[in-house]
Amino acid sequence: MNFEAWEMLLWGMSALALVVFVCLYFVTAGYGQFRSKRWGWSIGNKAAWVMMEAPAFVAMLVLWIDAGMPTGLPQVLLLSLFLFHYFQRSFVFPLLMTGKSRMPIAIMLMGVTFNVINGVMQGGGLYWFPQPEYAEGASYLLRWNVPVGVAVFFAGLAVNWHSDHVIRHLRKPGDTRHYLPSKGMYRYVTSANYMGELIEWTGFAIAAASPAAWVFVWWTAANLVPRAHAIHKKYRQEFGNEAVGNRKRIIPYFY
C-alpha cells in the first residue's frame, strides 16, 4: 500500500464513521439487550465475541511479524497495549460471560470486518507509515504524551473492566430480570463500560500521536456514543426518570 492509498483509507474510514454515528441514532444495533429476531440468525455470545474480536488481535500480530518483528520501543509499547486489550477482549472476556445471550451473525460479521480493517490501520500506523518521532527509540517514551497516554489507557481499561464486572454480577444464577447498574462509574453514567473503552483508546491515541490511532478513537465514539444514548433512553423507560436521576449517557456531567 502506498502513502496515497493509506491516506484514502484513513479518510474513508473517518467518513464512514460519521455515517455510522448518524445511523445508530435511528437504528439500534441488535445485540445485547436490544437483540431481536429481525436481525436474523444468531449464535451464542461467547463464540460470537471470540470470532468478532480475535481478528483485531491476529491482524495486528500478523503485521508485526510481516514487518520483521521490529523491536523499536515506541512500536513495541503501542503493539503491547493493543494486543493486551484484544487478548482480554477476545479470549478472557467471553469466558467471564454469564447467561445464555446470543448475538446476530450479521452483527458479528460487521464487527469482524471492522476489526480486520482497524487491525490493518493500527498496524500500518506502526510499521508501514510510522510517525517520524518513533525513530527516536527510547527517547520517544520520555515525551509528555507517552506517560500521559499510557496512564489514560490503563485508567480507561480499569473503568471498562470494573464496569463489566458490575454488569456480570447484577443477577444471581437463574435470575432473568433487568437491573439498573449503580456501582463504580455507573453512579455518573449509564454506560460506564463504554465510557471506559472510549477513555482507553483516547489514551492509546495520545501515546501513539498518529492519525490512524485518532481514527480509531473517532470510530469508537461513533459506535458507542449512540448506543449509550439508546441504553440511557431504555433505562429511563424501564426504571423511570427518578431511578436514573442525573446520570449522563457516557461522559459524566456532560452527555
C-alpha atoms as a PDB file:
ATOM      1  CA  MET A   1       0.000   0.000   0.000  1.00  0.00           C
ATOM      2  CA  ASN A   2       1.429   3.403  -0.950  1.00  0.00           C
ATOM      3  CA  PHE A   3       1.011   6.526   1.148  1.00  0.00           C
ATOM      4  CA  GLU A   4      -1.770   7.967  -1.030  1.00  0.00           C
ATOM      5  CA  ALA A   5      -3.841   4.800  -0.648  1.00  0.00           C
ATOM      6  CA  TRP A   6      -3.122   4.870   3.089  1.00  0.00           C
ATOM      7  CA  GLU A   7      -4.436   8.409   3.403  1.00  0.00           C
ATOM      8  CA  MET A   8      -7.527   7.474   1.394  1.00  0.00           C
ATOM      9  CA  LEU A   9      -8.160   4.560   3.776  1.00  0.00           C
ATOM     10  CA  LEU A  10      -7.976   6.840   6.813  1.00  0.00           C
ATOM     11  CA  TRP A  11     -10.215   9.493   5.265  1.00  0.00           C
ATOM     12  CA  GLY A  12     -12.652   6.866   4.003  1.00  0.00           C
ATOM     13  CA  MET A  13     -12.909   5.220   7.415  1.00  0.00           C
ATOM     14  CA  SER A  14     -13.391   8.613   9.049  1.00  0.00           C
ATOM     15  CA  ALA A  15     -16.248   9.449   6.669  1.00  0.00           C
ATOM     16  CA  LEU A  16     -17.838   6.025   7.169  1.00  0.00           C
ATOM     17  CA  ALA A  17     -17.675   6.507  10.933  1.00  0.00           C
ATOM     18  CA  LEU A  18     -19.713   9.689  10.534  1.00  0.00           C
ATOM     19  CA  VAL A  19     -22.373   7.757   8.611  1.00  0.00           C
ATOM     20  CA  VAL A  20     -22.402   5.055  11.300  1.00  0.00           C
ATOM     21  CA  PHE A  21     -22.648   7.680  14.047  1.00  0.00           C
ATOM     22  CA  VAL A  22     -25.728   9.267  12.492  1.00  0.00           C
ATOM     23  CA  CYS A  23     -27.407   5.981  11.532  1.00  0.00           C
ATOM     24  CA  LEU A  24     -27.046   4.461  15.000  1.00  0.00           C
ATOM     25  CA  TYR A  25     -29.235   7.231  16.415  1.00  0.00           C
ATOM     26  CA  PHE A  26     -32.034   5.896  14.233  1.00  0.00           C
ATOM     27  CA  VAL A  27     -31.275   2.161  14.051  1.00  0.00           C
ATOM     28  CA  THR A  28     -30.189   0.412  17.248  1.00  0.00           C
ATOM     29  CA  ALA A  29     -27.704  -2.395  16.659  1.00  0.00           C
ATOM     30  CA  GLY A  30     -29.459  -5.602  17.644  1.00  0.00           C
ATOM     31  CA  TYR A  31     -27.129  -7.198  20.161  1.00  0.00           C
ATOM     32  CA  GLY A  32     -27.167  -7.405  23.945  1.00  0.00           C
ATOM     33  CA  GLN A  33     -30.385  -6.107  25.462  1.00  0.00           C
ATOM     34  CA  PHE A  34     -31.512  -4.869  22.027  1.00  0.00           C
ATOM     35  CA  ARG A  35     -31.308  -8.208  20.238  1.00  0.00           C
ATOM     36  CA  SER A  36     -34.365  -9.024  18.139  1.00  0.00           C
ATOM     37  CA  LYS A  37     -35.295 -11.676  15.581  1.00  0.00           C
ATOM     38  CA  ARG A  38     -35.360  -9.122  12.774  1.00  0.00           C
ATOM     39  CA  TRP A  39     -31.549  -9.215  12.797  1.00  0.00           C
ATOM     40  CA  GLY A  40     -31.667 -12.819  11.600  1.00  0.00           C
ATOM     41  CA  TRP A  41     -29.802 -15.904  12.716  1.00  0.00           C
ATOM     42  CA  SER A  42     -27.790 -15.695  15.904  1.00  0.00           C
ATOM     43  CA  ILE A  43     -25.149 -17.702  17.753  1.00  0.00           C
ATOM     44  CA  GLY A  44     -24.065 -17.932  21.382  1.00  0.00           C
ATOM     45  CA  ASN A  45     -22.496 -14.772  22.785  1.00  0.00           C
ATOM     46  CA  LYS A  46     -19.261 -16.421  23.901  1.00  0.00           C
ATOM     47  CA  ALA A  47     -18.416 -17.869  20.495  1.00  0.00           C
ATOM     48  CA  ALA A  48     -19.543 -14.672  18.761  1.00  0.00           C
ATOM     49  CA  TRP A  49     -17.274 -12.470  20.870  1.00  0.00           C
ATOM     50  CA  VAL A  50     -14.242 -14.664  20.217  1.00  0.00           C
ATOM     51  CA  MET A  51     -14.862 -14.700  16.459  1.00  0.00           C
ATOM     52  CA  MET A  52     -15.606 -10.977  16.363  1.00  0.00           C
ATOM     53  CA  GLU A  53     -12.735  -9.627  18.465  1.00  0.00           C
ATOM     54  CA  ALA A  54      -9.901 -12.073  17.723  1.00  0.00           C
ATOM     55  CA  PRO A  55      -9.342 -10.801  14.135  1.00  0.00           C
ATOM     56  CA  ALA A  56      -8.038  -7.482  15.507  1.00  0.00           C
ATOM     57  CA  PHE A  57      -5.519  -9.343  17.671  1.00  0.00           C
ATOM     58  CA  VAL A  58      -4.473 -11.606  14.797  1.00  0.00           C
ATOM     59  CA  ALA A  59      -4.262  -8.809  12.203  1.00  0.00           C
ATOM     60  CA  MET A  60      -2.003  -6.677  14.380  1.00  0.00           C
ATOM     61  CA  LEU A  61       0.211  -9.657  15.215  1.00  0.00           C
ATOM     62  CA  VAL A  62       0.476 -10.673  11.544  1.00  0.00           C
ATOM     63  CA  LEU A  63       1.508  -7.161  10.503  1.00  0.00           C
ATOM     64  CA  TRP A  64       4.175  -7.104  13.209  1.00  0.00           C
ATOM     65  CA  ILE A  65       5.554 -10.448  12.017  1.00  0.00           C
ATOM     66  CA  ASP A  66       5.330  -9.356   8.365  1.00  0.00           C
ATOM     67  CA  ALA A  67       7.325  -6.225   9.225  1.00  0.00           C
ATOM     68  CA  GLY A  68      10.145  -8.428  10.527  1.00  0.00           C
ATOM     69  CA  MET A  69       9.115  -8.275  14.206  1.00  0.00           C
ATOM     70  CA  PRO A  70      10.745  -4.868  14.815  1.00  0.00           C
ATOM     71  CA  THR A  71      11.793  -4.132  18.380  1.00  0.00           C
ATOM     72  CA  GLY A  72      11.729  -0.330  18.355  1.00  0.00           C
ATOM     73  CA  LEU A  73      10.470   0.665  21.802  1.00  0.00           C
ATOM     74  CA  PRO A  74       7.679   3.042  20.679  1.00  0.00           C
ATOM     75  CA  GLN A  75       6.159   0.425  18.380  1.00  0.00           C
ATOM     76  CA  VAL A  76       6.624  -2.384  20.913  1.00  0.00           C
ATOM     77  CA  LEU A  77       4.874  -0.346  23.600  1.00  0.00           C
ATOM     78  CA  LEU A  78       1.911   0.525  21.382  1.00  0.00           C
ATOM     79  CA  LEU A  79       1.710  -3.000  19.988  1.00  0.00           C
ATOM     80  CA  SER A  80       1.674  -4.368  23.542  1.00  0.00           C
ATOM     81  CA  LEU A  81      -1.159  -2.055  24.617  1.00  0.00           C
ATOM     82  CA  PHE A  82      -3.262  -3.024  21.608  1.00  0.00           C
ATOM     83  CA  LEU A  83      -2.635  -6.771  21.983  1.00  0.00           C
ATOM     84  CA  PHE A  84      -3.207  -6.635  25.734  1.00  0.00           C
ATOM     85  CA  HIS A  85      -6.666  -5.157  25.231  1.00  0.00           C
ATOM     86  CA  TYR A  86      -7.661  -7.538  22.468  1.00  0.00           C
ATOM     87  CA  PHE A  87      -6.276 -10.635  24.173  1.00  0.00           C
ATOM     88  CA  GLN A  88      -8.535  -9.919  27.133  1.00  0.00           C
ATOM     89  CA  ARG A  89     -11.485  -8.990  24.929  1.00  0.00           C
ATOM     90  CA  SER A  90     -11.069 -11.998  22.620  1.00  0.00           C
ATOM     91  CA  PHE A  91     -10.067 -14.819  24.934  1.00  0.00           C
ATOM     92  CA  VAL A  92     -10.784 -13.821  28.553  1.00  0.00           C
ATOM     93  CA  PHE A  93     -13.909 -11.641  28.439  1.00  0.00           C
ATOM     94  CA  PRO A  94     -16.037 -14.323  26.687  1.00  0.00           C
ATOM     95  CA  LEU A  95     -15.121 -16.871  29.379  1.00  0.00           C
ATOM     96  CA  LEU A  96     -16.376 -14.493  32.064  1.00  0.00           C
ATOM     97  CA  MET A  97     -19.777 -14.066  30.426  1.00  0.00           C
ATOM     98  CA  THR A  98     -22.796 -15.382  32.277  1.00  0.00           C
ATOM     99  CA  GLY A  99     -26.223 -16.290  30.959  1.00  0.00           C
ATOM    100  CA  LYS A 100     -27.202 -17.642  27.572  1.00  0.00           C
ATOM    101  CA  SER A 101     -27.404 -14.492  25.448  1.00  0.00           C
ATOM    102  CA  ARG A 102     -26.958 -14.681  21.696  1.00  0.00           C
ATOM    103  CA  MET A 103     -25.589 -12.350  19.028  1.00  0.00           C
ATOM    104  CA  PRO A 104     -26.934 -11.992  15.484  1.00  0.00           C
ATOM    105  CA  ILE A 105     -24.475 -13.328  12.925  1.00  0.00           C
ATOM    106  CA  ALA A 106     -24.910 -10.118  10.909  1.00  0.00           C
ATOM    107  CA  ILE A 107     -23.679  -8.027  13.854  1.00  0.00           C
ATOM    108  CA  MET A 108     -20.764 -10.398  14.411  1.00  0.00           C
ATOM    109  CA  LEU A 109     -19.707 -10.186  10.758  1.00  0.00           C
ATOM    110  CA  MET A 110     -19.837  -6.384  10.822  1.00  0.00           C
ATOM    111  CA  GLY A 111     -17.628  -6.487  13.906  1.00  0.00           C
ATOM    112  CA  VAL A 112     -15.201  -8.872  12.203  1.00  0.00           C
ATOM    113  CA  THR A 113     -14.957  -6.578   9.171  1.00  0.00           C
ATOM    114  CA  PHE A 114     -14.224  -3.523  11.271  1.00  0.00           C
ATOM    115  CA  ASN A 115     -11.713  -5.303  13.482  1.00  0.00           C
ATOM    116  CA  VAL A 116      -9.746  -6.600  10.498  1.00  0.00           C
ATOM    117  CA  ILE A 117      -9.643  -3.139   8.915  1.00  0.00           C
ATOM    118  CA  ASN A 118      -8.780  -1.492  12.202  1.00  0.00           C
ATOM    119  CA  GLY A 119      -6.027  -4.023  12.848  1.00  0.00           C
ATOM    120  CA  VAL A 120      -4.595  -3.100   9.456  1.00  0.00           C
ATOM    121  CA  MET A 121      -4.955   0.621  10.220  1.00  0.00           C
ATOM    122  CA  GLN A 122      -3.215   0.417  13.590  1.00  0.00           C
ATOM    123  CA  GLY A 123      -0.532  -1.977  12.360  1.00  0.00           C
ATOM    124  CA  GLY A 124       0.000   0.192   9.301  1.00  0.00           C
ATOM    125  CA  GLY A 125       0.349   3.236  11.529  1.00  0.00           C
ATOM    126  CA  LEU A 126       3.103   1.462  13.437  1.00  0.00           C
ATOM    127  CA  TYR A 127       5.007  -0.276  10.621  1.00  0.00           C
ATOM    128  CA  TRP A 128       4.059   0.995   7.151  1.00  0.00           C
ATOM    129  CA  PHE A 129       3.852   4.720   7.824  1.00  0.00           C
ATOM    130  CA  PRO A 130       5.089   5.271  11.382  1.00  0.00           C
ATOM    131  CA  GLN A 131       5.388   8.711  12.905  1.00  0.00           C
ATOM    132  CA  PRO A 132       8.907  10.121  12.340  1.00  0.00           C
ATOM    133  CA  GLU A 133       9.268  10.574  16.102  1.00  0.00           C
ATOM    134  CA  TYR A 134       9.235   6.795  16.615  1.00  0.00           C
ATOM    135  CA  ALA A 135      12.775   6.749  15.223  1.00  0.00           C
ATOM    136  CA  GLU A 136      13.885   8.391  18.490  1.00  0.00           C
ATOM    137  CA  GLY A 137      13.535   4.984  20.141  1.00  0.00           C
ATOM    138  CA  ALA A 138      13.635   5.087  23.928  1.00  0.00           C
ATOM    139  CA  SER A 139      13.747   8.902  23.856  1.00  0.00           C
ATOM    140  CA  TYR A 140      10.234   8.940  22.404  1.00  0.00           C
ATOM    141  CA  LEU A 141       8.962   7.313  25.585  1.00  0.00           C
ATOM    142  CA  LEU A 142      10.083  10.390  27.518  1.00  0.00           C
ATOM    143  CA  ARG A 143       7.846  12.729  25.529  1.00  0.00           C
ATOM    144  CA  TRP A 144       4.942  14.003  27.646  1.00  0.00           C
ATOM    145  CA  ASN A 145       2.276  12.296  25.536  1.00  0.00           C
ATOM    146  CA  VAL A 146       3.556   8.771  26.201  1.00  0.00           C
ATOM    147  CA  PRO A 147       3.293   8.554  30.011  1.00  0.00           C
ATOM    148  CA  VAL A 148       0.086  10.588  29.900  1.00  0.00           C
ATOM    149  CA  GLY A 149      -1.395   8.406  27.164  1.00  0.00           C
ATOM    150  CA  VAL A 150      -0.413   5.158  28.896  1.00  0.00           C
ATOM    151  CA  ALA A 151      -1.888   6.390  32.192  1.00  0.00           C
ATOM    152  CA  VAL A 152      -5.133   7.351  30.449  1.00  0.00           C
ATOM    153  CA  PHE A 153      -5.185   3.989  28.648  1.00  0.00           C
ATOM    154  CA  PHE A 154      -4.950   1.991  31.864  1.00  0.00           C
ATOM    155  CA  ALA A 155      -7.409   4.273  33.657  1.00  0.00           C
ATOM    156  CA  GLY A 156      -9.926   3.569  30.891  1.00  0.00           C
ATOM    157  CA  LEU A 157      -9.092  -0.130  30.998  1.00  0.00           C
ATOM    158  CA  ALA A 158      -9.762  -0.201  34.752  1.00  0.00           C
ATOM    159  CA  VAL A 159     -13.116   1.547  34.310  1.00  0.00           C
ATOM    160  CA  ASN A 160     -14.070  -0.805  31.484  1.00  0.00           C
ATOM    161  CA  TRP A 161     -13.135  -3.986  33.358  1.00  0.00           C
ATOM    162  CA  HIS A 162     -14.784  -2.902  36.605  1.00  0.00           C
ATOM    163  CA  SER A 163     -17.950  -1.832  34.784  1.00  0.00           C
ATOM    164  CA  ASP A 164     -18.141  -5.197  33.009  1.00  0.00           C
ATOM    165  CA  HIS A 165     -17.710  -6.854  36.416  1.00  0.00           C
ATOM    166  CA  VAL A 166     -20.615  -4.825  37.803  1.00  0.00           C
ATOM    167  CA  ILE A 167     -22.876  -5.845  34.921  1.00  0.00           C
ATOM    168  CA  ARG A 168     -21.950  -9.529  35.237  1.00  0.00           C
ATOM    169  CA  HIS A 169     -22.935  -9.545  38.902  1.00  0.00           C
ATOM    170  CA  LEU A 170     -26.263  -7.733  38.627  1.00  0.00           C
ATOM    171  CA  ARG A 171     -28.126 -11.045  38.561  1.00  0.00           C
ATOM    172  CA  LYS A 172     -27.978 -14.140  40.689  1.00  0.00           C
ATOM    173  CA  PRO A 173     -27.933 -17.525  38.906  1.00  0.00           C
ATOM    174  CA  GLY A 174     -31.298 -18.216  37.295  1.00  0.00           C
ATOM    175  CA  ASP A 175     -32.467 -14.614  37.548  1.00  0.00           C
ATOM    176  CA  THR A 176     -33.584 -13.101  34.232  1.00  0.00           C
ATOM    177  CA  ARG A 177     -34.808  -9.707  35.415  1.00  0.00           C
ATOM    178  CA  HIS A 178     -33.223  -6.432  34.313  1.00  0.00           C
ATOM    179  CA  TYR A 179     -31.434  -4.210  36.825  1.00  0.00           C
ATOM    180  CA  LEU A 180     -30.069  -0.684  36.724  1.00  0.00           C
ATOM    181  CA  PRO A 181     -26.308  -0.777  37.452  1.00  0.00           C
ATOM    182  CA  SER A 182     -25.299   1.745  40.085  1.00  0.00           C
ATOM    183  CA  LYS A 183     -21.803   0.884  41.328  1.00  0.00           C
ATOM    184  CA  GLY A 184     -18.498   2.402  40.285  1.00  0.00           C
ATOM    185  CA  MET A 185     -18.728   4.839  37.386  1.00  0.00           C
ATOM    186  CA  TYR A 186     -22.357   3.802  36.864  1.00  0.00           C
ATOM    187  CA  ARG A 187     -23.101   6.386  39.527  1.00  0.00           C
ATOM    188  CA  TYR A 188     -22.313   9.022  36.910  1.00  0.00           C
ATOM    189  CA  VAL A 189     -23.202   7.461  33.550  1.00  0.00           C
ATOM    190  CA  THR A 190     -25.472   4.658  32.403  1.00  0.00           C
ATOM    191  CA  SER A 191     -22.842   3.182  30.052  1.00  0.00           C
ATOM    192  CA  ALA A 192     -19.721   3.176  32.194  1.00  0.00           C
ATOM    193  CA  ASN A 193     -18.244   0.227  30.300  1.00  0.00           C
ATOM    194  CA  TYR A 194     -18.417   2.211  27.061  1.00  0.00           C
ATOM    195  CA  MET A 195     -17.008   5.260  28.798  1.00  0.00           C
ATOM    196  CA  GLY A 196     -14.015   3.181  29.913  1.00  0.00           C
ATOM    197  CA  GLU A 197     -13.363   1.899  26.409  1.00  0.00           C
ATOM    198  CA  LEU A 198     -13.545   5.397  24.928  1.00  0.00           C
ATOM    199  CA  ILE A 199     -11.077   6.664  27.547  1.00  0.00           C
ATOM    200  CA  GLU A 200      -8.833   3.685  26.878  1.00  0.00           C
ATOM    201  CA  TRP A 201      -8.450   4.288  23.144  1.00  0.00           C
ATOM    202  CA  THR A 202      -8.098   8.033  23.671  1.00  0.00           C
ATOM    203  CA  GLY A 203      -5.099   7.226  25.863  1.00  0.00           C
ATOM    204  CA  PHE A 204      -3.720   4.946  23.152  1.00  0.00           C
ATOM    205  CA  ALA A 205      -4.073   7.732  20.579  1.00  0.00           C
ATOM    206  CA  ILE A 206      -2.374  10.265  22.864  1.00  0.00           C
ATOM    207  CA  ALA A 207       0.592   7.912  23.274  1.00  0.00           C
ATOM    208  CA  ALA A 208       0.699   6.966  19.582  1.00  0.00           C
ATOM    209  CA  ALA A 209       0.205  10.509  18.266  1.00  0.00           C
ATOM    210  CA  SER A 210      -0.760   9.039  14.904  1.00  0.00           C
ATOM    211  CA  PRO A 211      -3.709   9.724  12.558  1.00  0.00           C
ATOM    212  CA  ALA A 212      -4.618   6.019  12.491  1.00  0.00           C
ATOM    213  CA  ALA A 213      -4.998   5.913  16.270  1.00  0.00           C
ATOM    214  CA  TRP A 214      -7.224   9.002  16.270  1.00  0.00           C
ATOM    215  CA  VAL A 215      -9.407   7.496  13.528  1.00  0.00           C
ATOM    216  CA  PHE A 216      -9.880   4.555  15.904  1.00  0.00           C
ATOM    217  CA  VAL A 217     -10.983   6.927  18.667  1.00  0.00           C
ATOM    218  CA  TRP A 218     -13.483   8.506  16.289  1.00  0.00           C
ATOM    219  CA  TRP A 219     -14.813   5.067  15.312  1.00  0.00           C
ATOM    220  CA  THR A 220     -15.102   4.072  18.971  1.00  0.00           C
ATOM    221  CA  ALA A 221     -17.133   7.198  19.694  1.00  0.00           C
ATOM    222  CA  ALA A 222     -19.243   6.774  16.543  1.00  0.00           C
ATOM    223  CA  ASN A 223     -20.180   3.266  17.620  1.00  0.00           C
ATOM    224  CA  LEU A 224     -20.537   3.657  21.387  1.00  0.00           C
ATOM    225  CA  VAL A 225     -21.995   7.148  21.901  1.00  0.00           C
ATOM    226  CA  PRO A 226     -25.260   6.449  20.002  1.00  0.00           C
ATOM    227  CA  ARG A 227     -25.564   3.069  21.723  1.00  0.00           C
ATOM    228  CA  ALA A 228     -25.053   4.730  25.105  1.00  0.00           C
ATOM    229  CA  HIS A 229     -27.883   7.081  24.147  1.00  0.00           C
ATOM    230  CA  ALA A 230     -30.156   4.128  23.324  1.00  0.00           C
ATOM    231  CA  ILE A 231     -29.325   2.421  26.637  1.00  0.00           C
ATOM    232  CA  HIS A 232     -29.937   5.615  28.581  1.00  0.00           C
ATOM    233  CA  LYS A 233     -33.311   6.053  26.897  1.00  0.00           C
ATOM    234  CA  LYS A 234     -34.277   2.445  27.616  1.00  0.00           C
ATOM    235  CA  TYR A 235     -33.284   2.709  31.267  1.00  0.00           C
ATOM    236  CA  ARG A 236     -35.458   5.802  31.684  1.00  0.00           C
ATOM    237  CA  GLN A 237     -38.386   3.981  30.083  1.00  0.00           C
ATOM    238  CA  GLU A 238     -37.857   0.804  32.101  1.00  0.00           C
ATOM    239  CA  PHE A 239     -36.853   2.170  35.517  1.00  0.00           C
ATOM    240  CA  GLY A 240     -38.163   5.749  35.428  1.00  0.00           C
ATOM    241  CA  ASN A 241     -36.520   9.157  35.481  1.00  0.00           C
ATOM    242  CA  GLU A 242     -36.211   9.176  39.261  1.00  0.00           C
ATOM    243  CA  ALA A 243     -34.178   5.954  39.328  1.00  0.00           C
ATOM    244  CA  VAL A 244     -31.834   7.100  36.573  1.00  0.00           C
ATOM    245  CA  GLY A 245     -31.577  10.550  38.124  1.00  0.00           C
ATOM    246  CA  ASN A 246     -28.938  12.947  36.831  1.00  0.00           C
ATOM    247  CA  ARG A 247     -26.719  10.278  35.365  1.00  0.00           C
ATOM    248  CA  LYS A 248     -25.488  11.053  31.867  1.00  0.00           C
ATOM    249  CA  ARG A 249     -25.065   8.610  28.997  1.00  0.00           C
ATOM    250  CA  ILE A 250     -21.314   8.153  28.559  1.00  0.00           C
ATOM    251  CA  ILE A 251     -19.477  11.349  29.593  1.00  0.00           C
ATOM    252  CA  PRO A 252     -20.022  12.379  33.263  1.00  0.00           C
ATOM    253  CA  TYR A 253     -21.771  15.715  33.767  1.00  0.00           C
ATOM    254  CA  PHE A 254     -21.803  16.369  30.017  1.00  0.00           C
ATOM    255  CA  TYR A 255     -23.548  13.730  27.851  1.00  0.00           C
END
